[in-house]
Amino acid sequence: MNYTAVIRTLGTAGDKYQALLDSLNKQTIQPSKILVYIAEGYSIPKETIGKEQYIYVKKGMVSQRALPYTEVNTEYILFLDDDLSFPENTVERMIELLQREHADMISPDIFPNASRPFFAEVMMRLSGRMCARRNDDYWGYKVMRNSGYSYNASPIKEIYQSQTNAGACFLCSKENFLKIHFEEELWLDKADYPMGEDQVMYYKMYLMGLKILTWYKHGFVHLDGGENMHPEKKKKVIYADFRFKTIFWHRFIYLPDKCGWSKIWSIVAIAYTFLFTLLISLLKGKIDIFKLKFKAMKDAVHFIKSEEYRALPLIKKVVR
């Protein structure tokens, strides 16, 4: 199988980016091309293996991925962020699993959900943010009615089907990626902090009937260790999260559902989640966070009522 590796970057990852390039250079199945989509206004990085081709595009998590890929002349594309390292047989194994399972897309579980103390897990479940599932022999990640997600807390097999995942790496055909018209979701880039683009991309694929695999035994390393958020950044994350959840719920859960009772249940789910989180903020005395979450929901509703949003094509769910 021929494939093209495409990387989205700002060109500032340094040694992490070099590690990614080195990983590609060691693959048992080499990419036909390595295309790097770098944000306008940023400098081409000094790190290199001498095989990359740089293309300037608009900055944004969606903008740098929702592209026509006219430069790609292979059937398959390996989509990558710029801060990963992986073993030399990684792409070979991804191709084997994709073909063996007759699937449309495969993505490693790069950010596994860590085990939490019992009380913390209960609070996550009660809040509807995320939910651990045990002894699930079929699903890896699932999207819940309230825009949260549930995950397989005890994966045993190498692969499971999924409805969402992290988008730092995935392999699929160019045809299937273009089929979802990811460019319709550029509204995600308008938030001050990027949030939810991976869930939108994967769940849109799922709703369109594509078979998505999560790969658990892979050897990927995410090289960005993260950082402690300063208070202002944390507030941006909270605002972006609740704005995203509101819009995602309406666009991808409520609207595609054609069953009246099911739609009512979805309304109950999102209402419970928002009321719970607002109440917790009040009980903790965090009035500023309460106001921030409420503003995010209010702004999201305003966007949902806008002409820009109404002009977006409706998502049609494929009946399996």
C-alpha atoms as a PDB file:
ATOM      1  CA  MET A   1       0.000   0.000   0.000  1.00  0.00           C
ATOM      2  CA  ASN A   2       1.387   3.389  -0.987  1.00  0.00           C
ATOM      3  CA  TYR A   3       0.766   6.269   1.373  1.00  0.00           C
ATOM      4  CA  THR A   4       1.668   9.914   1.872  1.00  0.00           C
ATOM      5  CA  ALA A   5       2.584  11.272   5.301  1.00  0.00           C
ATOM      6  CA  VAL A   6       1.039  14.683   6.000  1.00  0.00           C
ATOM      7  CA  ILE A   7       2.004  16.740   9.045  1.00  0.00           C
ATOM      8  CA  ARG A   8       0.335  19.839  10.481  1.00  0.00           C
ATOM      9  CA  THR A   9       2.691  22.135  12.372  1.00  0.00           C
ATOM     10  CA  LEU A  10       3.650  25.626  13.438  1.00  0.00           C
ATOM     11  CA  GLY A  11       7.278  24.644  12.979  1.00  0.00           C
ATOM     12  CA  THR A  12       8.116  25.207  16.642  1.00  0.00           C
ATOM     13  CA  ALA A  13       8.256  21.652  18.013  1.00  0.00           C
ATOM     14  CA  GLY A  14      12.060  21.423  17.734  1.00  0.00           C
ATOM     15  CA  ASP A  15      13.518  18.070  18.819  1.00  0.00           C
ATOM     16  CA  LYS A  16      10.052  16.532  18.992  1.00  0.00           C
ATOM     17  CA  TYR A  17       9.524  17.295  15.316  1.00  0.00           C
ATOM     18  CA  GLN A  18      12.935  15.830  14.486  1.00  0.00           C
ATOM     19  CA  ALA A  19      11.943  12.642  16.338  1.00  0.00           C
ATOM     20  CA  LEU A  20       8.801  12.423  14.208  1.00  0.00           C
ATOM     21  CA  LEU A  21      10.776  12.839  10.986  1.00  0.00           C
ATOM     22  CA  ASP A  22      13.297  10.235  12.152  1.00  0.00           C
ATOM     23  CA  SER A  23      10.450   7.816  12.906  1.00  0.00           C
ATOM     24  CA  LEU A  24       9.089   8.243   9.380  1.00  0.00           C
ATOM     25  CA  ASN A  25      12.550   7.792   7.924  1.00  0.00           C
ATOM     26  CA  LYS A  26      12.919   4.408   9.678  1.00  0.00           C
ATOM     27  CA  GLN A  27       9.595   2.911   8.625  1.00  0.00           C
ATOM     28  CA  THR A  28       9.699  -0.511   6.983  1.00  0.00           C
ATOM     29  CA  ILE A  29       7.183   0.864   4.479  1.00  0.00           C
ATOM     30  CA  GLN A  30       8.357   4.309   3.426  1.00  0.00           C
ATOM     31  CA  PRO A  31       5.931   7.147   2.552  1.00  0.00           C
ATOM     32  CA  SER A  32       5.832   8.235  -1.083  1.00  0.00           C
ATOM     33  CA  LYS A  33       5.984  11.834   0.138  1.00  0.00           C
ATOM     34  CA  ILE A  34       6.220  13.760   3.389  1.00  0.00           C
ATOM     35  CA  LEU A  35       4.069  16.880   3.084  1.00  0.00           C
ATOM     36  CA  VAL A  36       4.255  19.431   5.879  1.00  0.00           C
ATOM     37  CA  TYR A  37       1.366  21.905   6.111  1.00  0.00           C
ATOM     38  CA  ILE A  38       2.790  24.820   8.053  1.00  0.00           C
ATOM     39  CA  ALA A  39       0.792  27.828   9.254  1.00  0.00           C
ATOM     40  CA  GLU A  40       1.235  31.093   7.383  1.00  0.00           C
ATOM     41  CA  GLY A  41       3.625  33.490   9.086  1.00  0.00           C
ATOM     42  CA  TYR A  42       5.778  30.785  10.672  1.00  0.00           C
ATOM     43  CA  SER A  43       9.318  29.867   9.650  1.00  0.00           C
ATOM     44  CA  ILE A  44      10.264  26.539   8.132  1.00  0.00           C
ATOM     45  CA  PRO A  45      11.994  24.577  10.918  1.00  0.00           C
ATOM     46  CA  LYS A  46      15.678  23.676  10.765  1.00  0.00           C
ATOM     47  CA  GLU A  47      14.950  20.037  11.661  1.00  0.00           C
ATOM     48  CA  THR A  48      14.993  17.828   8.577  1.00  0.00           C
ATOM     49  CA  ILE A  49      15.647  14.446   6.990  1.00  0.00           C
ATOM     50  CA  GLY A  50      15.809  16.010   3.533  1.00  0.00           C
ATOM     51  CA  LYS A  51      12.540  14.528   2.290  1.00  0.00           C
ATOM     52  CA  GLU A  52       9.917  17.044   3.427  1.00  0.00           C
ATOM     53  CA  GLN A  53       7.929  19.362   1.190  1.00  0.00           C
ATOM     54  CA  TYR A  54       6.477  22.457   2.894  1.00  0.00           C
ATOM     55  CA  ILE A  55       3.138  24.025   2.016  1.00  0.00           C
ATOM     56  CA  TYR A  56       1.867  27.204   3.696  1.00  0.00           C
ATOM     57  CA  VAL A  57      -1.799  27.187   4.747  1.00  0.00           C
ATOM     58  CA  LYS A  58      -4.022  29.180   7.087  1.00  0.00           C
ATOM     59  CA  LYS A  59      -3.383  28.629  10.783  1.00  0.00           C
ATOM     60  CA  GLY A  60      -5.820  26.478  12.747  1.00  0.00           C
ATOM     61  CA  MET A  61      -6.312  22.923  13.936  1.00  0.00           C
ATOM     62  CA  VAL A  62      -9.063  22.401  11.380  1.00  0.00           C
ATOM     63  CA  SER A  63      -7.646  24.748   8.740  1.00  0.00           C
ATOM     64  CA  GLN A  64      -4.380  22.820   8.654  1.00  0.00           C
ATOM     65  CA  ARG A  65      -6.171  19.505   8.239  1.00  0.00           C
ATOM     66  CA  ALA A  66      -9.353  20.281   6.282  1.00  0.00           C
ATOM     67  CA  LEU A  67      -7.497  20.572   2.987  1.00  0.00           C
ATOM     68  CA  PRO A  68      -8.105  19.253  -0.548  1.00  0.00           C
ATOM     69  CA  TYR A  69      -4.729  17.476  -0.551  1.00  0.00           C
ATOM     70  CA  THR A  70      -4.234  18.034  -4.247  1.00  0.00           C
ATOM     71  CA  GLU A  71      -0.528  17.363  -3.655  1.00  0.00           C
ATOM     72  CA  VAL A  72      -1.319  13.794  -2.538  1.00  0.00           C
ATOM     73  CA  ASN A  73      -1.255  11.222  -5.343  1.00  0.00           C
ATOM     74  CA  THR A  74      -1.464   8.057  -3.231  1.00  0.00           C
ATOM     75  CA  GLU A  75      -4.611   6.223  -2.160  1.00  0.00           C
ATOM     76  CA  TYR A  76      -3.833   6.439   1.555  1.00  0.00           C
ATOM     77  CA  ILE A  77      -2.733   9.246   3.860  1.00  0.00           C
ATOM     78  CA  LEU A  78      -0.998   9.005   7.221  1.00  0.00           C
ATOM     79  CA  PHE A  79      -2.106  12.111   9.154  1.00  0.00           C
ATOM     80  CA  LEU A  80       0.297  13.260  11.871  1.00  0.00           C
ATOM     81  CA  ASP A  81       0.861  15.965  14.460  1.00  0.00           C
ATOM     82  CA  ASP A  82       4.442  17.162  14.895  1.00  0.00           C
ATOM     83  CA  ASP A  83       5.316  15.696  18.310  1.00  0.00           C
ATOM     84  CA  LEU A  84       5.208  11.910  17.972  1.00  0.00           C
ATOM     85  CA  SER A  85       7.677   9.062  17.957  1.00  0.00           C
ATOM     86  CA  PHE A  86       6.906   5.469  16.957  1.00  0.00           C
ATOM     87  CA  PRO A  87       8.584   2.126  16.125  1.00  0.00           C
ATOM     88  CA  GLU A  88       9.852   1.299  12.629  1.00  0.00           C
ATOM     89  CA  ASN A  89       7.097  -1.237  11.873  1.00  0.00           C
ATOM     90  CA  THR A  90       4.241   1.068  12.915  1.00  0.00           C
ATOM     91  CA  VAL A  91       2.829   1.941   9.499  1.00  0.00           C
ATOM     92  CA  GLU A  92       3.245  -1.646   8.301  1.00  0.00           C
ATOM     93  CA  ARG A  93       1.147  -2.883  11.253  1.00  0.00           C
ATOM     94  CA  MET A  94      -1.487  -0.165  10.779  1.00  0.00           C
ATOM     95  CA  ILE A  95      -1.921  -1.226   7.164  1.00  0.00           C
ATOM     96  CA  GLU A  96      -2.189  -4.901   8.146  1.00  0.00           C
ATOM     97  CA  LEU A  97      -4.876  -4.193  10.751  1.00  0.00           C
ATOM     98  CA  LEU A  98      -6.815  -1.868   8.453  1.00  0.00           C
ATOM     99  CA  GLN A  99      -6.940  -4.483   5.696  1.00  0.00           C
ATOM    100  CA  ARG A 100      -7.559  -7.437   8.001  1.00  0.00           C
ATOM    101  CA  GLU A 101     -10.566  -5.773   9.630  1.00  0.00           C
ATOM    102  CA  HIS A 102     -11.887  -4.284   6.369  1.00  0.00           C
ATOM    103  CA  ALA A 103     -11.946  -0.939   8.146  1.00  0.00           C
ATOM    104  CA  ASP A 104     -11.839   2.609   6.782  1.00  0.00           C
ATOM    105  CA  MET A 105      -9.601   4.277   9.343  1.00  0.00           C
ATOM    106  CA  ILE A 106      -7.216   3.284  12.137  1.00  0.00           C
ATOM    107  CA  SER A 107      -5.827   5.459  14.922  1.00  0.00           C
ATOM    108  CA  PRO A 108      -3.615   4.594  17.921  1.00  0.00           C
ATOM    109  CA  ASP A 109      -4.796   5.295  21.452  1.00  0.00           C
ATOM    110  CA  ILE A 110      -2.069   7.874  22.016  1.00  0.00           C
ATOM    111  CA  PHE A 111      -3.604   9.468  25.129  1.00  0.00           C
ATOM    112  CA  PRO A 112      -4.827   6.511  27.213  1.00  0.00           C
ATOM    113  CA  ASN A 113      -7.174   7.418  30.041  1.00  0.00           C
ATOM    114  CA  ALA A 114      -5.296   7.004  33.301  1.00  0.00           C
ATOM    115  CA  SER A 115      -6.897   5.177  36.199  1.00  0.00           C
ATOM    116  CA  ARG A 116      -8.384   7.536  38.754  1.00  0.00           C
ATOM    117  CA  PRO A 117      -9.297   7.283  42.438  1.00  0.00           C
ATOM    118  CA  PHE A 118     -12.792   5.915  42.967  1.00  0.00           C
ATOM    119  CA  PHE A 119     -14.310   9.273  43.973  1.00  0.00           C
ATOM    120  CA  ALA A 120     -12.760  11.073  40.991  1.00  0.00           C
ATOM    121  CA  GLU A 121     -14.110   8.434  38.621  1.00  0.00           C
ATOM    122  CA  VAL A 122     -17.580   8.709  40.171  1.00  0.00           C
ATOM    123  CA  MET A 123     -17.539  12.503  39.784  1.00  0.00           C
ATOM    124  CA  MET A 124     -16.468  12.200  36.130  1.00  0.00           C
ATOM    125  CA  ARG A 125     -19.345   9.809  35.533  1.00  0.00           C
ATOM    126  CA  LEU A 126     -21.876  11.971  37.383  1.00  0.00           C
ATOM    127  CA  SER A 127     -20.776  15.082  35.514  1.00  0.00           C
ATOM    128  CA  GLY A 128     -21.156  13.309  32.179  1.00  0.00           C
ATOM    129  CA  ARG A 129     -17.715  14.434  31.084  1.00  0.00           C
ATOM    130  CA  MET A 130     -16.389  10.924  30.551  1.00  0.00           C
ATOM    131  CA  CYS A 131     -17.353   7.453  31.617  1.00  0.00           C
ATOM    132  CA  ALA A 132     -15.215   4.345  32.063  1.00  0.00           C
ATOM    133  CA  ARG A 133     -16.584   1.108  30.565  1.00  0.00           C
ATOM    134  CA  ARG A 134     -15.242  -2.261  31.687  1.00  0.00           C
ATOM    135  CA  ASN A 135     -15.505  -5.672  30.049  1.00  0.00           C
ATOM    136  CA  ASP A 136     -16.531  -4.151  26.724  1.00  0.00           C
ATOM    137  CA  ASP A 137     -15.410  -6.522  23.996  1.00  0.00           C
ATOM    138  CA  TYR A 138     -16.466  -4.303  21.087  1.00  0.00           C
ATOM    139  CA  TRP A 139     -16.035  -0.549  21.588  1.00  0.00           C
ATOM    140  CA  GLY A 140     -12.927   1.489  22.320  1.00  0.00           C
ATOM    141  CA  TYR A 141     -14.331   5.038  22.484  1.00  0.00           C
ATOM    142  CA  LYS A 142     -17.977   6.044  22.243  1.00  0.00           C
ATOM    143  CA  VAL A 143     -19.686   9.435  22.080  1.00  0.00           C
ATOM    144  CA  MET A 144     -22.444   9.982  24.634  1.00  0.00           C
ATOM    145  CA  ARG A 145     -25.696  11.885  24.167  1.00  0.00           C
ATOM    146  CA  ASN A 146     -24.456  14.798  26.250  1.00  0.00           C
ATOM    147  CA  SER A 147     -21.347  15.417  24.038  1.00  0.00           C
ATOM    148  CA  GLY A 148     -19.086  13.595  26.487  1.00  0.00           C
ATOM    149  CA  TYR A 149     -17.413  10.293  25.743  1.00  0.00           C
ATOM    150  CA  SER A 150     -16.975   6.886  27.291  1.00  0.00           C
ATOM    151  CA  TYR A 151     -13.874   4.752  27.000  1.00  0.00           C
ATOM    152  CA  ASN A 152     -12.843   1.142  27.370  1.00  0.00           C
ATOM    153  CA  ALA A 153     -11.117   1.011  30.742  1.00  0.00           C
ATOM    154  CA  SER A 154      -9.912  -2.579  30.335  1.00  0.00           C
ATOM    155  CA  PRO A 155      -8.859  -3.154  26.715  1.00  0.00           C
ATOM    156  CA  ILE A 156      -7.458  -6.615  26.122  1.00  0.00           C
ATOM    157  CA  LYS A 157      -7.507  -6.928  22.343  1.00  0.00           C
ATOM    158  CA  GLU A 158      -5.185  -5.053  20.020  1.00  0.00           C
ATOM    159  CA  ILE A 159      -7.997  -3.181  18.277  1.00  0.00           C
ATOM    160  CA  TYR A 160     -11.572  -2.089  18.985  1.00  0.00           C
ATOM    161  CA  GLN A 161     -14.115  -0.167  16.952  1.00  0.00           C
ATOM    162  CA  SER A 162     -14.624   3.448  18.013  1.00  0.00           C
ATOM    163  CA  GLN A 163     -16.702   6.560  17.446  1.00  0.00           C
ATOM    164  CA  THR A 164     -14.011   9.022  18.516  1.00  0.00           C
ATOM    165  CA  ASN A 165     -10.349   9.211  19.529  1.00  0.00           C
ATOM    166  CA  ALA A 166      -7.431  11.649  19.595  1.00  0.00           C
ATOM    167  CA  GLY A 167      -6.449  12.903  16.144  1.00  0.00           C
ATOM    168  CA  ALA A 168      -2.677  13.143  16.534  1.00  0.00           C
ATOM    169  CA  CYS A 169      -2.261  10.218  14.145  1.00  0.00           C
ATOM    170  CA  PHE A 170      -4.552   8.217  11.871  1.00  0.00           C
ATOM    171  CA  LEU A 171      -4.397   6.338   8.587  1.00  0.00           C
ATOM    172  CA  CYS A 172      -7.212   6.365   6.051  1.00  0.00           C
ATOM    173  CA  SER A 173      -7.782   6.739   2.342  1.00  0.00           C
ATOM    174  CA  LYS A 174      -7.793  10.179   0.792  1.00  0.00           C
ATOM    175  CA  GLU A 175     -11.241   9.432  -0.636  1.00  0.00           C
ATOM    176  CA  ASN A 176     -12.757   8.648   2.762  1.00  0.00           C
ATOM    177  CA  PHE A 177     -11.239  11.709   4.419  1.00  0.00           C
ATOM    178  CA  LEU A 178     -12.498  14.059   1.723  1.00  0.00           C
ATOM    179  CA  LYS A 179     -15.908  12.385   1.963  1.00  0.00           C
ATOM    180  CA  ILE A 180     -16.600  13.964   5.374  1.00  0.00           C
ATOM    181  CA  HIS A 181     -16.036  17.540   4.103  1.00  0.00           C
ATOM    182  CA  PHE A 182     -14.117  18.529   7.204  1.00  0.00           C
ATOM    183  CA  GLU A 183     -13.888  22.067   5.835  1.00  0.00           C
ATOM    184  CA  GLU A 184     -17.542  22.500   6.838  1.00  0.00           C
ATOM    185  CA  GLU A 185     -16.367  22.473  10.464  1.00  0.00           C
ATOM    186  CA  LEU A 186     -14.085  25.524  10.318  1.00  0.00           C
ATOM    187  CA  TRP A 187     -16.309  27.086  12.997  1.00  0.00           C
ATOM    188  CA  LEU A 188     -14.131  25.128  15.443  1.00  0.00           C
ATOM    189  CA  ASP A 189     -11.127  27.343  14.672  1.00  0.00           C
ATOM    190  CA  LYS A 190     -12.997  30.487  15.725  1.00  0.00           C
ATOM    191  CA  ALA A 191     -12.632  29.723  19.426  1.00  0.00           C
ATOM    192  CA  ASP A 192      -9.726  31.333  21.308  1.00  0.00           C
ATOM    193  CA  TYR A 193      -8.573  27.857  22.296  1.00  0.00           C
ATOM    194  CA  PRO A 194      -8.823  24.825  19.941  1.00  0.00           C
ATOM    195  CA  MET A 195     -11.232  22.259  21.298  1.00  0.00           C
ATOM    196  CA  GLY A 196     -13.108  19.257  19.956  1.00  0.00           C
ATOM    197  CA  GLU A 197     -11.892  19.046  16.368  1.00  0.00           C
ATOM    198  CA  ASP A 198     -10.854  15.401  16.792  1.00  0.00           C
ATOM    199  CA  GLN A 199     -14.250  14.358  18.141  1.00  0.00           C
ATOM    200  CA  VAL A 200     -16.009  16.186  15.312  1.00  0.00           C
ATOM    201  CA  MET A 201     -13.830  14.522  12.663  1.00  0.00           C
ATOM    202  CA  TYR A 202     -14.136  10.980  14.002  1.00  0.00           C
ATOM    203  CA  TYR A 203     -17.824  11.151  14.875  1.00  0.00           C
ATOM    204  CA  LYS A 204     -18.644  12.619  11.495  1.00  0.00           C
ATOM    205  CA  MET A 205     -16.886   9.643   9.911  1.00  0.00           C
ATOM    206  CA  TYR A 206     -18.854   7.308  12.161  1.00  0.00           C
ATOM    207  CA  LEU A 207     -22.204   8.933  11.336  1.00  0.00           C
ATOM    208  CA  MET A 208     -21.397   8.568   7.642  1.00  0.00           C
ATOM    209  CA  GLY A 209     -20.952   4.837   8.064  1.00  0.00           C
ATOM    210  CA  LEU A 210     -17.156   4.545   8.086  1.00  0.00           C
ATOM    211  CA  LYS A 211     -15.577   1.820  10.245  1.00  0.00           C
ATOM    212  CA  ILE A 212     -13.069   3.327  12.700  1.00  0.00           C
ATOM    213  CA  LEU A 213     -10.500   1.311  14.648  1.00  0.00           C
ATOM    214  CA  THR A 214      -8.637   2.257  17.813  1.00  0.00           C
ATOM    215  CA  TRP A 215      -5.270   0.511  18.104  1.00  0.00           C
ATOM    216  CA  TYR A 216      -4.123  -0.174  21.678  1.00  0.00           C
ATOM    217  CA  LYS A 217      -0.819  -2.067  21.401  1.00  0.00           C
ATOM    218  CA  HIS A 218       1.168   0.316  19.267  1.00  0.00           C
ATOM    219  CA  GLY A 219       4.354   1.790  20.786  1.00  0.00           C
ATOM    220  CA  PHE A 220       3.554   5.431  19.987  1.00  0.00           C
ATOM    221  CA  VAL A 221       5.005   8.059  22.296  1.00  0.00           C
ATOM    222  CA  HIS A 222       3.506  11.531  22.541  1.00  0.00           C
ATOM    223  CA  LEU A 223       6.534  13.719  23.147  1.00  0.00           C
ATOM    224  CA  ASP A 224       4.750  16.836  24.373  1.00  0.00           C
ATOM    225  CA  GLY A 225       4.801  16.461  28.143  1.00  0.00           C
ATOM    226  CA  GLY A 226       2.296  19.249  28.582  1.00  0.00           C
ATOM    227  CA  GLU A 227       2.484  22.214  30.898  1.00  0.00           C
ATOM    228  CA  ASN A 228       0.796  23.577  33.965  1.00  0.00           C
ATOM    229  CA  MET A 229      -1.966  25.875  32.806  1.00  0.00           C
ATOM    230  CA  HIS A 230      -1.904  29.411  34.072  1.00  0.00           C
ATOM    231  CA  PRO A 231      -5.304  30.684  35.270  1.00  0.00           C
ATOM    232  CA  GLU A 232      -6.118  32.658  32.109  1.00  0.00           C
ATOM    233  CA  LYS A 233      -5.376  29.705  29.831  1.00  0.00           C
ATOM    234  CA  LYS A 234      -7.456  27.445  32.055  1.00  0.00           C
ATOM    235  CA  LYS A 235     -10.381  29.830  31.671  1.00  0.00           C
ATOM    236  CA  LYS A 236      -9.984  29.754  27.883  1.00  0.00           C
ATOM    237  CA  VAL A 237     -10.088  25.961  27.985  1.00  0.00           C
ATOM    238  CA  ILE A 238     -13.239  25.933  30.112  1.00  0.00           C
ATOM    239  CA  TYR A 239     -14.981  28.436  27.833  1.00  0.00           C
ATOM    240  CA  ALA A 240     -13.970  26.569  24.662  1.00  0.00           C
ATOM    241  CA  ASP A 241     -15.036  23.243  26.156  1.00  0.00           C
ATOM    242  CA  PHE A 242     -18.577  24.315  27.002  1.00  0.00           C
ATOM    243  CA  ARG A 243     -19.016  26.242  23.776  1.00  0.00           C
ATOM    244  CA  PHE A 244     -17.909  23.171  21.857  1.00  0.00           C
ATOM    245  CA  LYS A 245     -20.113  20.744  23.805  1.00  0.00           C
ATOM    246  CA  THR A 246     -23.212  22.836  23.123  1.00  0.00           C
ATOM    247  CA  ILE A 247     -22.618  23.162  19.381  1.00  0.00           C
ATOM    248  CA  PHE A 248     -21.478  19.562  18.976  1.00  0.00           C
ATOM    249  CA  TRP A 249     -24.567  18.283  20.775  1.00  0.00           C
ATOM    250  CA  HIS A 250     -26.899  20.244  18.519  1.00  0.00           C
ATOM    251  CA  ARG A 251     -25.115  19.552  15.226  1.00  0.00           C
ATOM    252  CA  PHE A 252     -24.050  15.931  15.649  1.00  0.00           C
ATOM    253  CA  ILE A 253     -26.417  14.386  18.196  1.00  0.00           C
ATOM    254  CA  TYR A 254     -29.732  16.241  18.213  1.00  0.00           C
ATOM    255  CA  LEU A 255     -30.188  17.192  14.550  1.00  0.00           C
ATOM    256  CA  PRO A 256     -29.228  13.851  12.912  1.00  0.00           C
ATOM    257  CA  ASP A 257     -31.612  11.950  15.214  1.00  0.00           C
ATOM    258  CA  LYS A 258     -34.969  11.279  13.542  1.00  0.00           C
ATOM    259  CA  CYS A 259     -36.629   9.555  16.511  1.00  0.00           C
ATOM    260  CA  GLY A 260     -38.788  11.840  18.669  1.00  0.00           C
ATOM    261  CA  TRP A 261     -38.297   9.963  21.945  1.00  0.00           C
ATOM    262  CA  SER A 262     -34.592   9.676  21.310  1.00  0.00           C
ATOM    263  CA  LYS A 263     -34.317  13.435  20.750  1.00  0.00           C
ATOM    264  CA  ILE A 264     -36.130  14.060  24.041  1.00  0.00           C
ATOM    265  CA  TRP A 265     -33.674  11.767  25.819  1.00  0.00           C
ATOM    266  CA  SER A 266     -30.786  13.704  24.267  1.00  0.00           C
ATOM    267  CA  ILE A 267     -32.258  16.966  25.585  1.00  0.00           C
ATOM    268  CA  VAL A 268     -32.522  15.454  29.068  1.00  0.00           C
ATOM    269  CA  ALA A 269     -28.889  14.280  28.847  1.00  0.00           C
ATOM    270  CA  ILE A 270     -27.404  17.654  27.888  1.00  0.00           C
ATOM    271  CA  ALA A 271     -29.657  19.535  30.331  1.00  0.00           C
ATOM    272  CA  TYR A 272     -28.575  17.277  33.199  1.00  0.00           C
ATOM    273  CA  THR A 273     -24.900  17.665  32.344  1.00  0.00           C
ATOM    274  CA  PHE A 274     -25.005  21.448  32.162  1.00  0.00           C
ATOM    275  CA  LEU A 275     -27.135  21.857  35.284  1.00  0.00           C
ATOM    276  CA  PHE A 276     -24.829  19.525  37.211  1.00  0.00           C
ATOM    277  CA  THR A 277     -21.643  21.342  36.252  1.00  0.00           C
ATOM    278  CA  LEU A 278     -23.154  24.771  36.930  1.00  0.00           C
ATOM    279  CA  LEU A 279     -24.385  23.597  40.329  1.00  0.00           C
ATOM    280  CA  ILE A 280     -20.943  22.211  41.229  1.00  0.00           C
ATOM    281  CA  SER A 281     -19.346  25.565  40.371  1.00  0.00           C
ATOM    282  CA  LEU A 282     -21.818  27.338  42.637  1.00  0.00           C
ATOM    283  CA  LEU A 283     -21.331  24.861  45.492  1.00  0.00           C
ATOM    284  CA  LYS A 284     -17.570  25.382  45.259  1.00  0.00           C
ATOM    285  CA  GLY A 285     -18.082  29.126  45.371  1.00  0.00           C
ATOM    286  CA  LYS A 286     -16.484  29.617  41.944  1.00  0.00           C
ATOM    287  CA  ILE A 287     -18.864  32.267  40.686  1.00  0.00           C
ATOM    288  CA  ASP A 288     -16.440  33.402  37.979  1.00  0.00           C
ATOM    289  CA  ILE A 289     -16.294  29.861  36.545  1.00  0.00           C
ATOM    290  CA  PHE A 290     -20.086  29.591  36.761  1.00  0.00           C
ATOM    291  CA  LYS A 291     -20.436  32.786  34.733  1.00  0.00           C
ATOM    292  CA  LEU A 292     -17.793  31.628  32.242  1.00  0.00           C
ATOM    293  CA  LYS A 293     -19.544  28.304  31.589  1.00  0.00           C
ATOM    294  CA  PHE A 294     -22.909  30.019  31.274  1.00  0.00           C
ATOM    295  CA  LYS A 295     -21.477  32.572  28.844  1.00  0.00           C
ATOM    296  CA  ALA A 296     -19.955  29.780  26.734  1.00  0.00           C
ATOM    297  CA  MET A 297     -23.326  28.031  26.467  1.00  0.00           C
ATOM    298  CA  LYS A 298     -25.097  31.306  25.719  1.00  0.00           C
ATOM    299  CA  ASP A 299     -22.586  32.227  22.984  1.00  0.00           C
ATOM    300  CA  ALA A 300     -22.927  28.738  21.509  1.00  0.00           C
ATOM    301  CA  VAL A 301     -26.714  29.080  21.325  1.00  0.00           C
ATOM    302  CA  HIS A 302     -26.266  32.469  19.663  1.00  0.00           C
ATOM    303  CA  PHE A 303     -24.031  30.830  17.048  1.00  0.00           C
ATOM    304  CA  ILE A 304     -26.539  28.004  16.518  1.00  0.00           C
ATOM    305  CA  LYS A 305     -29.169  30.634  15.713  1.00  0.00           C
ATOM    306  CA  SER A 306     -26.867  32.481  13.296  1.00  0.00           C
ATOM    307  CA  GLU A 307     -27.108  32.455   9.508  1.00  0.00           C
ATOM    308  CA  GLU A 308     -23.562  31.070   9.355  1.00  0.00           C
ATOM    309  CA  TYR A 309     -24.567  27.992  11.314  1.00  0.00           C
ATOM    310  CA  ARG A 310     -27.857  27.506   9.497  1.00  0.00           C
ATOM    311  CA  ALA A 311     -25.965  27.538   6.202  1.00  0.00           C
ATOM    312  CA  LEU A 312     -23.943  24.467   7.212  1.00  0.00           C
ATOM    313  CA  PRO A 313     -25.057  21.257   5.488  1.00  0.00           C
ATOM    314  CA  LEU A 314     -26.980  18.933   7.800  1.00  0.00           C
ATOM    315  CA  ILE A 315     -25.309  15.742   8.960  1.00  0.00           C
ATOM    316  CA  LYS A 316     -27.082  12.642   7.688  1.00  0.00           C
ATOM    317  CA  LYS A 317     -26.686   9.553   9.822  1.00  0.00           C
ATOM    318  CA  VAL A 318     -26.189   6.315   7.914  1.00  0.00           C
ATOM    319  CA  VAL A 319     -28.399   3.499   9.243  1.00  0.00           C
ATOM    320  CA  ARG A 320     -26.253   0.441   9.945  1.00  0.00           C
END
